[in-house]
């Protein structure tokens, strides 16, 4: 049987008629916009014609052979499933983050670096990351999504990550491949009603969905992660949505000192439980966490201190949809405070060495905008004050100011610049043999950058060359022998050079 193919003329006719209906409004459109809309309508009409032809072919085959075929409803379901898979609502997906490059000193040898290179780094005091990263770090995220006949959706996620500071192709014992996430999440469950109608539930090992960070510092504002379960998007009121979770984290094994009977010394470990509520009121976020780590007070953290076995933490944040109200862009601002185990205000529940009297308060602010059509800027401030952190009477104050600037020169090339300044006033009060120091750190980086397409702050991948100048007060070299400052060839007032790729999708 000869069958005429008429989908393109029909599609053109349908699309042209649809376009003509728009009347006066379409007259205001440019010719390019009208052609783009026409092409889109033609493509949609052709797809409908394709679907109709497939149905006709199936019907013809059924009549010719007398073999039963799928019903229209079954065919529609198959087509809907294909569409869901094409849109990413169903099936397998793959996401990646990766960075890798060389960081060399003036003597063409590898040099220490990283966003946490300063004495304040172990306390969370990040400095700018551009031209300051010597590592290779990769994340591979594997997702599989399913949609069931009753409308319920399920997702299973596994994330593999690895990092190394070696430049070799085969790193052997230097690598640390890790399964960082493995969890299942269900949503659109038809039996969920009321406040839970649009909620999703999850269980496993994961990063909390609503963590957020300052990318240019390589620092999370808040990072909640571990193994547990929870529920997202409980609608408690018209303008009030909440998440609830219980995470468990494991502190590493530690020696237990039996002061009454030293012969019974041994090892132990502690699980830190984190009960979280995360609330959203429009652009505002209010987070509260309670922590409990049974027997962690048996940990000997030195200088006669008792480690905390409980704590609390809170954060108030604002997620702005403009650049501080001054123009297009965005900004985020957060104040975090914690006590006891909650005094590690960024990586929640990640430190077992905090004293029961430890307190910490942190401020995080950053934003992004365009200064001009080809110039974009991203300033950020990160600062913290903490007391009685690891020893009675200790105090740590640090503040970082960072500015990332980029000039988009062509559609594949831009110049990036970054300036960082950090102030530190650190008094460990004898903890771990560290000395009290106060001083300043500065870094400036120039980075010619190549991209498949420039434009915007989040366009990746990119390949960049860089030259960085870093300097700091000599007093900071005496803080501890365990960090990089003061080592041979790393005393400040020097240049470093390198290249790096950064990828995410």
Protein backbone atom coordinates (compact mmCIF):
# COMPACT_ATOMS: atom_id res chain seq x y z
CA UNK A 1 0.00 0.00 0.00
CA UNK A 2 1.39 3.36 -1.04
CA UNK A 3 1.25 5.97 1.71
CA UNK A 4 1.73 9.67 1.16
CA UNK A 5 4.14 11.56 3.43
CA UNK A 6 2.50 14.87 4.23
CA UNK A 7 3.83 15.82 7.67
CA UNK A 8 6.09 18.72 6.64
CA UNK A 9 3.52 20.63 4.52
CA UNK A 10 0.89 19.95 7.15
CA UNK A 11 3.22 21.07 9.92
CA UNK A 12 4.07 24.24 8.03
CA UNK A 13 0.42 24.97 7.47
CA UNK A 14 -0.44 24.42 11.12
CA UNK A 15 2.49 26.48 12.36
CA UNK A 16 1.84 29.29 9.88
CA UNK A 17 -1.82 29.46 10.84
CA UNK A 18 -0.92 29.48 14.53
CA UNK A 19 1.60 32.24 14.01
CA UNK A 20 -0.89 34.34 12.09
CA UNK A 21 -3.43 34.23 14.93
CA UNK A 22 -1.13 36.22 17.18
CA UNK A 23 -2.27 39.42 15.41
CA UNK A 24 -0.97 42.78 16.55
CA UNK A 25 1.29 41.31 19.23
CA UNK A 26 3.35 39.35 16.69
CA UNK A 27 3.72 42.45 14.57
CA UNK A 28 5.94 43.82 17.32
CA UNK A 29 8.35 40.89 17.01
CA UNK A 30 11.52 41.03 14.96
CA UNK A 31 11.78 38.88 11.86
CA UNK A 32 14.33 36.66 13.66
CA UNK A 33 11.93 36.07 16.56
CA UNK A 34 9.07 35.27 14.18
CA UNK A 35 11.22 32.80 12.23
CA UNK A 36 12.38 31.18 15.49
CA UNK A 37 8.79 30.80 16.70
CA UNK A 38 7.73 29.41 13.32
CA UNK A 39 10.54 26.86 13.37
CA UNK A 40 9.59 25.79 16.89
CA UNK A 41 5.94 25.37 15.89
CA UNK A 42 6.95 23.41 12.77
CA UNK A 43 9.13 21.11 14.87
CA UNK A 44 6.30 20.48 17.36
CA UNK A 45 3.81 19.87 14.55
CA UNK A 46 6.20 17.47 12.81
CA UNK A 47 6.57 15.52 16.05
CA UNK A 48 2.79 15.19 16.29
CA UNK A 49 2.66 14.08 12.66
CA UNK A 50 5.38 11.50 13.34
CA UNK A 51 3.37 10.11 16.24
CA UNK A 52 0.25 9.92 14.06
CA UNK A 53 2.14 8.10 11.29
CA UNK A 54 3.50 5.56 13.77
CA UNK A 55 -0.01 4.85 15.00
CA UNK A 56 -1.25 4.49 11.41
CA UNK A 57 1.56 2.05 10.56
CA UNK A 58 0.72 -0.08 13.59
CA UNK A 59 -2.97 -0.10 12.62
CA UNK A 60 -2.15 -1.06 8.99
CA UNK A 61 0.10 -3.90 10.13
CA UNK A 62 -2.62 -5.15 12.45
CA UNK A 63 -5.21 -5.18 9.63
CA UNK A 64 -2.84 -6.91 7.21
CA UNK A 65 -1.67 -9.66 9.55
CA UNK A 66 -4.67 -10.06 11.81
CA UNK A 67 -2.29 -9.99 14.80
CA UNK A 68 -3.49 -8.10 17.86
CA UNK A 69 -1.57 -4.91 18.56
CA UNK A 70 -1.30 -2.49 21.44
CA UNK A 71 -4.27 -0.33 22.29
CA UNK A 72 -4.17 3.42 21.83
CA UNK A 73 -3.77 3.78 25.60
CA UNK A 74 -0.77 1.44 25.60
CA UNK A 75 0.81 3.29 22.72
CA UNK A 76 0.26 6.61 24.49
CA UNK A 77 1.91 5.24 27.63
CA UNK A 78 4.95 4.07 25.65
CA UNK A 79 5.25 7.46 23.99
CA UNK A 80 4.90 9.21 27.35
CA UNK A 81 7.67 7.04 28.79
CA UNK A 82 9.99 7.92 25.91
CA UNK A 83 9.24 11.59 26.49
CA UNK A 84 9.97 11.24 30.22
CA UNK A 85 13.29 9.56 29.47
CA UNK A 86 14.19 12.25 26.93
CA UNK A 87 13.40 15.00 29.46
CA UNK A 88 15.41 13.34 32.26
CA UNK A 89 12.37 12.55 34.39
CA UNK A 90 13.07 8.85 33.98
CA UNK A 91 16.16 6.77 33.25
CA UNK A 92 19.89 7.14 33.82
CA UNK A 93 21.80 10.43 34.16
CA UNK A 94 25.43 11.27 34.87
CA UNK A 95 26.87 14.40 36.50
CA UNK A 96 30.49 15.40 37.08
CA UNK A 97 32.63 17.86 38.96
CA UNK A 98 36.40 17.79 38.38
CA UNK A 99 39.45 19.99 38.70
CA UNK A 100 43.06 19.19 37.92
CA UNK A 101 46.23 21.17 37.33
CA UNK A 102 49.79 22.07 38.20
CA UNK A 103 50.89 24.60 40.84
CA UNK A 104 54.60 25.48 40.58
CA UNK A 105 56.85 27.87 42.48
CA UNK A 106 59.49 30.21 41.13
CA UNK A 107 61.99 27.32 41.15
CA UNK A 108 59.69 25.24 38.87
CA UNK A 109 59.01 22.81 41.72
CA UNK A 110 55.63 21.93 43.23
CA UNK A 111 54.55 24.41 45.87
CA UNK A 112 52.10 24.22 48.76
CA UNK A 113 48.72 25.75 48.18
CA UNK A 114 45.00 25.32 48.43
CA UNK A 115 42.15 27.50 49.66
CA UNK A 116 42.95 26.48 53.27
CA UNK A 117 46.70 27.03 53.21
CA UNK A 118 46.86 29.69 55.96
CA UNK A 119 47.01 29.00 59.74
CA UNK A 120 43.29 29.85 59.86
CA UNK A 121 42.60 27.17 57.25
CA UNK A 122 41.94 24.28 59.69
CA UNK A 123 39.40 26.55 61.40
CA UNK A 124 37.53 27.07 58.12
CA UNK A 125 39.39 30.23 57.10
CA UNK A 126 39.40 29.81 53.32
CA UNK A 127 41.14 32.20 50.94
CA UNK A 128 40.57 32.51 47.18
CA UNK A 129 41.02 29.33 45.17
CA UNK A 130 41.92 30.78 41.75
CA UNK A 131 45.57 29.97 41.01
CA UNK A 132 45.93 28.32 44.39
CA UNK A 133 44.96 24.65 43.94
CA UNK A 134 47.58 21.89 43.56
CA UNK A 135 45.26 18.87 43.61
CA UNK A 136 43.26 16.65 41.30
CA UNK A 137 39.74 16.11 42.61
CA UNK A 138 36.87 14.36 40.84
CA UNK A 139 33.24 13.58 41.58
CA UNK A 140 31.07 11.28 39.47
CA UNK A 141 27.35 11.21 40.30
CA UNK A 142 25.20 8.39 38.92
CA UNK A 143 21.41 8.84 39.06
CA UNK A 144 18.59 6.53 38.06
CA UNK A 145 15.04 7.91 38.04
CA UNK A 146 11.80 5.94 37.84
CA UNK A 147 8.16 6.98 37.52
CA UNK A 148 5.51 4.46 38.50
CA UNK A 149 2.01 3.94 37.12
CA UNK A 150 0.46 5.63 40.17
CA UNK A 151 2.52 8.77 39.58
CA UNK A 152 5.09 8.12 42.34
CA UNK A 153 8.69 8.94 41.50
CA UNK A 154 11.91 7.33 42.80
CA UNK A 155 15.54 8.25 42.43
CA UNK A 156 18.66 6.33 43.37
CA UNK A 157 21.97 8.22 43.55
CA UNK A 158 25.56 7.06 43.96
CA UNK A 159 28.47 9.49 44.09
CA UNK A 160 32.10 8.43 43.73
CA UNK A 161 34.88 10.89 44.59
CA UNK A 162 38.67 10.79 44.62
CA UNK A 163 41.47 13.26 45.26
CA UNK A 164 45.24 13.34 45.10
CA UNK A 165 48.10 15.84 45.21
CA UNK A 166 50.30 13.67 43.00
CA UNK A 167 50.95 14.62 39.38
CA UNK A 168 51.51 10.99 38.33
CA UNK A 169 49.17 9.05 36.09
CA UNK A 170 49.13 6.12 38.56
CA UNK A 171 48.97 7.34 42.13
CA UNK A 172 48.76 4.06 44.04
CA UNK A 173 48.43 4.58 47.77
CA UNK A 174 48.13 8.35 47.39
CA UNK A 175 44.57 8.24 46.08
CA UNK A 176 41.46 8.00 48.28
CA UNK A 177 38.54 6.74 46.22
CA UNK A 178 35.37 7.04 48.24
CA UNK A 179 31.63 6.50 47.97
CA UNK A 180 30.45 9.87 49.25
CA UNK A 181 26.74 9.38 48.57
CA UNK A 182 24.41 6.38 48.22
CA UNK A 183 20.73 7.03 48.86
CA UNK A 184 17.17 6.55 47.63
CA UNK A 185 14.53 9.29 47.47
CA UNK A 186 10.77 9.00 46.81
CA UNK A 187 8.46 11.85 45.78
CA UNK A 188 4.93 12.45 44.43
CA UNK A 189 3.62 9.63 46.61
CA UNK A 190 -0.17 9.49 46.05
CA UNK A 191 -0.90 8.45 49.64
CA UNK A 192 0.78 11.60 50.98
CA UNK A 193 -1.79 14.31 51.64
CA UNK A 194 -2.15 17.56 53.53
CA UNK A 195 1.16 19.14 54.56
CA UNK A 196 3.00 16.14 53.04
CA UNK A 197 1.29 16.24 49.63
CA UNK A 198 4.38 17.57 47.82
CA UNK A 199 6.96 16.17 50.24
CA UNK A 200 9.73 13.69 49.40
CA UNK A 201 11.39 11.16 51.72
CA UNK A 202 14.91 9.78 51.58
CA UNK A 203 17.30 7.44 53.38
CA UNK A 204 20.97 6.57 52.97
CA UNK A 205 24.27 8.42 52.82
CA UNK A 206 24.07 11.86 51.23
CA UNK A 207 24.82 15.57 51.16
CA UNK A 208 21.83 17.57 52.29
CA UNK A 209 19.94 18.94 49.30
CA UNK A 210 19.95 22.52 50.61
CA UNK A 211 23.65 22.98 51.37
CA UNK A 212 25.10 26.09 49.69
CA UNK A 213 28.60 27.46 49.26
CA UNK A 214 30.89 30.29 48.14
CA UNK A 215 32.43 28.64 45.11
CA UNK A 216 35.29 31.15 44.69
CA UNK A 217 36.53 30.29 48.19
CA UNK A 218 35.84 26.55 47.87
CA UNK A 219 33.93 26.89 51.14
CA UNK A 220 30.45 25.74 51.98
CA UNK A 221 28.43 28.23 53.95
CA UNK A 222 26.80 25.24 55.64
CA UNK A 223 27.51 21.56 54.91
CA UNK A 224 25.20 18.94 56.39
CA UNK A 225 26.05 15.36 55.40
CA UNK A 226 26.23 11.84 56.76
CA UNK A 227 24.06 8.72 56.85
CA UNK A 228 20.44 8.84 57.90
CA UNK A 229 17.06 9.85 56.54
CA UNK A 230 14.61 12.68 56.29
CA UNK A 231 11.73 14.41 54.60
CA UNK A 232 11.84 17.50 52.37
CA UNK A 233 9.23 20.16 51.56
CA UNK A 234 6.64 19.73 54.27
CA UNK A 235 4.19 22.60 53.70
CA UNK A 236 3.34 23.83 57.19
CA UNK A 237 1.70 27.08 56.00
CA UNK A 238 1.24 29.07 52.80
CA UNK A 239 4.64 30.70 53.20
CA UNK A 240 6.35 28.11 55.39
CA UNK A 241 8.08 25.02 54.07
CA UNK A 242 10.23 22.73 56.26
CA UNK A 243 12.71 19.88 56.00
CA UNK A 244 13.42 17.42 58.80
CA UNK A 245 16.30 14.94 59.00
CA UNK A 246 18.40 12.76 61.26
CA UNK A 247 22.05 12.34 60.24
CA UNK A 248 24.69 10.16 61.83
CA UNK A 249 28.42 10.83 61.62
CA UNK A 250 31.32 8.79 63.01
CA UNK A 251 34.27 10.39 64.72
CA UNK A 252 37.50 8.52 64.11
CA UNK A 253 38.78 6.08 66.72
CA UNK A 254 40.45 7.83 69.61
CA UNK A 255 42.47 6.73 72.64
CA UNK A 256 40.56 6.56 75.92
CA UNK A 257 42.56 7.49 79.00
CA UNK A 258 41.29 5.82 82.18
CA UNK A 259 42.51 8.27 84.81
CA UNK A 260 41.49 6.03 87.72
CA UNK A 261 43.10 2.89 86.30
CA UNK A 262 45.63 3.61 83.53
CA UNK A 263 45.98 -0.12 82.91
CA UNK A 264 42.50 -0.04 81.35
CA UNK A 265 43.37 2.48 78.65
CA UNK A 266 41.99 1.57 75.25
CA UNK A 267 40.31 2.81 72.09
CA UNK A 268 36.77 3.88 71.39
CA UNK A 269 34.67 5.59 68.75
CA UNK A 270 31.68 7.87 68.86
CA UNK A 271 28.64 8.35 66.67
CA UNK A 272 27.41 11.93 66.48
CA UNK A 273 23.68 12.22 65.80
CA UNK A 274 22.37 15.44 64.22
CA UNK A 275 18.65 16.24 64.37
CA UNK A 276 17.84 19.00 61.88
CA UNK A 277 14.96 21.26 60.99
CA UNK A 278 15.39 23.57 58.00
CA UNK A 279 12.67 26.17 57.44
CA UNK A 280 11.96 28.50 54.53
CA UNK A 281 9.85 31.64 54.68
CA UNK A 282 10.04 33.18 51.22
CA UNK A 283 13.69 34.21 50.73
CA UNK A 284 14.54 33.54 54.38
CA UNK A 285 16.02 30.29 55.69
CA UNK A 286 16.11 29.38 59.39
CA UNK A 287 18.01 26.22 60.32
CA UNK A 288 18.35 24.59 63.74
CA UNK A 289 20.38 21.52 64.71
CA UNK A 290 20.73 19.52 67.92
CA UNK A 291 23.69 17.13 68.32
CA UNK A 292 24.48 14.24 70.63
CA UNK A 293 27.63 12.08 70.72
CA UNK A 294 27.41 9.56 73.54
CA UNK A 295 30.69 8.99 75.42
CA UNK A 296 32.59 11.61 73.44
CA UNK A 297 33.40 13.29 76.76
CA UNK A 298 35.80 10.38 77.36
CA UNK A 299 38.00 11.65 74.55
CA UNK A 300 41.32 13.11 75.77
CA UNK A 301 41.82 16.28 73.74
CA UNK A 302 44.80 17.48 75.76
CA UNK A 303 45.55 20.25 78.25
CA UNK A 304 43.08 18.72 80.70
CA UNK A 305 39.99 19.55 78.63
CA UNK A 306 36.76 17.58 78.36
CA UNK A 307 35.38 17.04 74.88
CA UNK A 308 31.75 17.91 74.25
CA UNK A 309 29.15 15.15 74.02
CA UNK A 310 26.33 17.43 72.85
CA UNK A 311 25.77 20.76 71.15
CA UNK A 312 23.46 22.95 69.14
CA UNK A 313 23.72 25.04 66.00
CA UNK A 314 21.57 27.57 64.20
CA UNK A 315 21.70 29.56 60.96
CA UNK A 316 19.67 32.44 59.60
CA UNK A 317 20.19 33.06 55.87
CA UNK A 318 18.73 35.25 53.14
CA UNK A 319 18.79 34.19 49.48
CA UNK A 320 18.49 37.35 47.42
CA UNK A 321 17.32 37.54 43.81
CA UNK A 322 19.23 40.76 43.06
CA UNK A 323 22.72 42.08 43.72
CA UNK A 324 22.10 43.47 47.23
CA UNK A 325 19.10 45.36 45.86
CA UNK A 326 21.31 47.43 43.57
CA UNK A 327 20.82 45.65 40.25
CA UNK A 328 20.51 42.34 38.44
CA UNK A 329 22.34 39.37 39.90
CA UNK A 330 22.04 37.54 43.19
CA UNK A 331 23.42 37.45 46.70
CA UNK A 332 23.32 35.28 49.80
CA UNK A 333 23.98 36.25 53.41
CA UNK A 334 24.10 34.01 56.47
CA UNK A 335 24.88 34.22 60.18
CA UNK A 336 25.74 30.93 61.92
CA UNK A 337 26.25 30.23 65.61
CA UNK A 338 26.99 27.06 67.54
CA UNK A 339 27.99 25.76 70.97
CA UNK A 340 29.66 22.53 72.04
CA UNK A 341 29.67 20.10 69.11
CA UNK A 342 27.81 22.78 67.15
CA UNK A 343 30.79 25.15 67.28
CA UNK A 344 32.02 23.62 64.02
CA UNK A 345 29.49 25.81 62.26
CA UNK A 346 30.21 24.85 58.63
CA UNK A 347 30.80 21.07 58.58
CA UNK A 348 28.04 20.13 60.99
CA UNK A 349 29.01 17.36 63.40
CA UNK A 350 32.40 16.78 61.77
CA UNK A 351 34.69 17.55 64.77
CA UNK A 352 34.87 15.56 68.00
CA UNK A 353 37.67 17.68 69.51
CA UNK A 354 35.50 20.63 70.53
CA UNK A 355 35.13 21.38 74.23
CA UNK A 356 31.76 21.48 75.96
CA UNK A 357 32.15 25.28 76.33
CA UNK A 358 33.17 25.92 72.72
CA UNK A 359 31.29 28.72 70.94
CA UNK A 360 31.62 30.06 67.41
CA UNK A 361 29.87 32.70 65.29
CA UNK A 362 30.38 33.05 61.55
CA UNK A 363 29.29 35.55 58.90
CA UNK A 364 29.12 34.66 55.19
CA UNK A 365 28.11 37.10 52.43
CA UNK A 366 28.61 36.94 48.67
CA UNK A 367 27.00 38.11 45.46
CA UNK A 368 27.38 38.13 41.68
CA UNK A 369 26.57 40.76 39.05
CA UNK A 370 27.72 42.40 35.84
CA UNK A 371 29.43 45.77 36.15
CA UNK A 372 29.22 46.21 32.37
CA UNK A 373 28.19 43.96 29.46
CA UNK A 374 31.58 42.17 29.40
CA UNK A 375 32.67 42.67 33.02
CA UNK A 376 31.36 40.57 35.91
CA UNK A 377 32.27 40.67 39.59
CA UNK A 378 31.72 38.37 42.58
CA UNK A 379 32.71 39.77 45.99
CA UNK A 380 32.57 37.67 49.17
CA UNK A 381 33.20 38.01 52.90
CA UNK A 382 33.73 35.10 55.29
CA UNK A 383 34.58 35.70 58.96
CA UNK A 384 34.46 33.84 62.28
CA UNK A 385 35.06 34.36 66.00
CA UNK A 386 35.35 31.35 68.33
CA UNK A 387 36.30 30.87 71.99
CA UNK A 388 37.14 27.90 74.23
CA UNK A 389 37.27 25.87 71.04
CA UNK A 390 39.89 23.25 71.90
CA UNK A 391 41.17 24.57 75.24
CA UNK A 392 39.80 26.73 78.03
CA UNK A 393 40.59 30.36 77.24
CA UNK A 394 41.63 29.93 73.61
CA UNK A 395 40.32 32.36 70.99
CA UNK A 396 40.41 32.43 67.20
CA UNK A 397 39.42 35.36 65.00
CA UNK A 398 39.81 35.46 61.23
CA UNK A 399 38.19 37.28 58.30
CA UNK A 400 38.56 36.87 54.53
CA UNK A 401 37.69 39.39 51.83
CA UNK A 402 37.74 37.95 48.29
CA UNK A 403 36.88 39.50 44.92
CA UNK A 404 36.66 37.56 41.64
CA UNK A 405 36.60 39.74 38.49
CA UNK A 406 36.31 38.60 34.86
CA UNK A 407 36.50 40.38 31.51
CA UNK A 408 34.80 38.47 28.66
CA UNK A 409 36.97 39.39 25.67
CA UNK A 410 35.73 36.97 22.99
CA UNK A 411 33.14 34.20 22.95
CA UNK A 412 35.88 31.71 23.89
CA UNK A 413 38.34 33.75 25.97
CA UNK A 414 38.23 35.85 29.12
CA UNK A 415 40.65 37.29 31.63
CA UNK A 416 39.97 36.40 35.26
CA UNK A 417 41.42 38.23 38.25
CA UNK A 418 41.17 37.43 41.93
CA UNK A 419 42.28 39.29 45.01
CA UNK A 420 42.15 37.83 48.54
CA UNK A 421 42.96 39.31 51.91
CA UNK A 422 42.77 37.48 55.23
CA UNK A 423 43.28 38.78 58.77
CA UNK A 424 44.11 36.32 61.57
CA UNK A 425 44.36 36.69 65.34
CA UNK A 426 44.87 33.18 66.74
CA UNK A 427 45.50 32.34 70.40
CA UNK A 428 45.48 28.53 70.96
CA UNK A 429 46.40 28.98 74.64
CA UNK A 430 48.88 26.11 74.45
CA UNK A 431 46.69 23.66 72.53
CA UNK A 432 48.78 21.15 70.56
CA UNK A 433 51.95 23.19 71.08
CA UNK A 434 50.73 26.04 68.89
CA UNK A 435 51.79 29.64 69.43
CA UNK A 436 49.64 32.78 69.50
CA UNK A 437 50.05 34.79 66.30
CA UNK A 438 48.43 37.74 64.58
CA UNK A 439 48.92 38.89 61.02
CA UNK A 440 47.72 39.31 57.45
CA UNK A 441 47.75 37.22 54.28
CA UNK A 442 47.27 38.43 50.71
CA UNK A 443 47.01 36.84 47.26
CA UNK A 444 46.52 38.25 43.77
CA UNK A 445 45.96 36.09 40.69
CA UNK A 446 45.80 36.75 36.94
CA UNK A 447 44.30 33.91 34.89
CA UNK A 448 43.83 33.91 31.09
CA UNK A 449 40.91 31.52 30.60
CA UNK A 450 39.57 29.56 27.62
CA UNK A 451 35.99 28.26 27.39
CA UNK A 452 33.78 26.71 24.72
CA UNK A 453 31.42 29.60 25.47
CA UNK A 454 31.89 32.53 27.86
CA UNK A 455 29.07 34.31 29.63
CA UNK A 456 27.91 34.09 33.22
CA UNK A 457 29.47 32.99 36.46
CA UNK A 458 28.62 29.32 36.19
CA UNK A 459 29.78 28.49 32.66
CA UNK A 460 32.03 25.45 32.63
CA UNK A 461 34.20 23.75 31.46
CA UNK A 462 37.18 26.06 31.34
CA UNK A 463 40.95 25.81 31.01
CA UNK A 464 43.00 28.55 32.64
CA UNK A 465 46.62 29.57 32.92
CA UNK A 466 47.54 31.60 35.99
CA UNK A 467 50.17 33.54 37.86
CA UNK A 468 49.65 34.24 41.58
CA UNK A 469 51.56 36.42 44.01
CA UNK A 470 51.18 35.61 47.72
CA UNK A 471 52.63 37.26 50.81
CA UNK A 472 51.98 37.23 54.55
CA UNK A 473 53.36 38.58 57.81
CA UNK A 474 56.42 36.64 59.00
CA UNK A 475 54.89 36.18 62.47
CA UNK A 476 52.41 33.68 61.00
CA UNK A 477 55.28 31.30 60.22
CA UNK A 478 55.59 30.52 63.92
CA UNK A 479 52.03 29.36 64.55
CA UNK A 480 52.79 25.63 64.23
CA UNK A 481 55.25 23.28 62.55
CA UNK A 482 52.31 21.25 61.21
CA UNK A 483 51.22 23.70 58.50
CA UNK A 484 52.92 24.95 55.34
CA UNK A 485 53.93 28.42 56.51
CA UNK A 486 57.62 28.84 57.28
CA UNK A 487 58.77 25.70 55.49
CA UNK A 488 61.74 25.90 53.15
CA UNK A 489 60.71 27.69 49.99
CA UNK A 490 57.37 28.82 51.44
CA UNK A 491 57.84 31.92 53.54
CA UNK A 492 55.82 34.50 51.58
CA UNK A 493 56.61 37.19 49.05
CA UNK A 494 56.71 34.82 46.08
CA UNK A 495 55.10 33.95 42.76
CA UNK A 496 53.50 30.71 41.70
CA UNK A 497 52.43 29.61 38.24
CA UNK A 498 50.38 26.88 36.68
CA UNK A 499 47.41 25.75 34.68
CA UNK A 500 44.15 24.06 35.57
CA UNK A 501 40.92 22.72 34.13
CA UNK A 502 37.59 22.89 35.94
CA UNK A 503 34.53 20.99 34.79
CA UNK A 504 30.98 20.46 35.92
CA UNK A 505 27.80 19.36 34.27
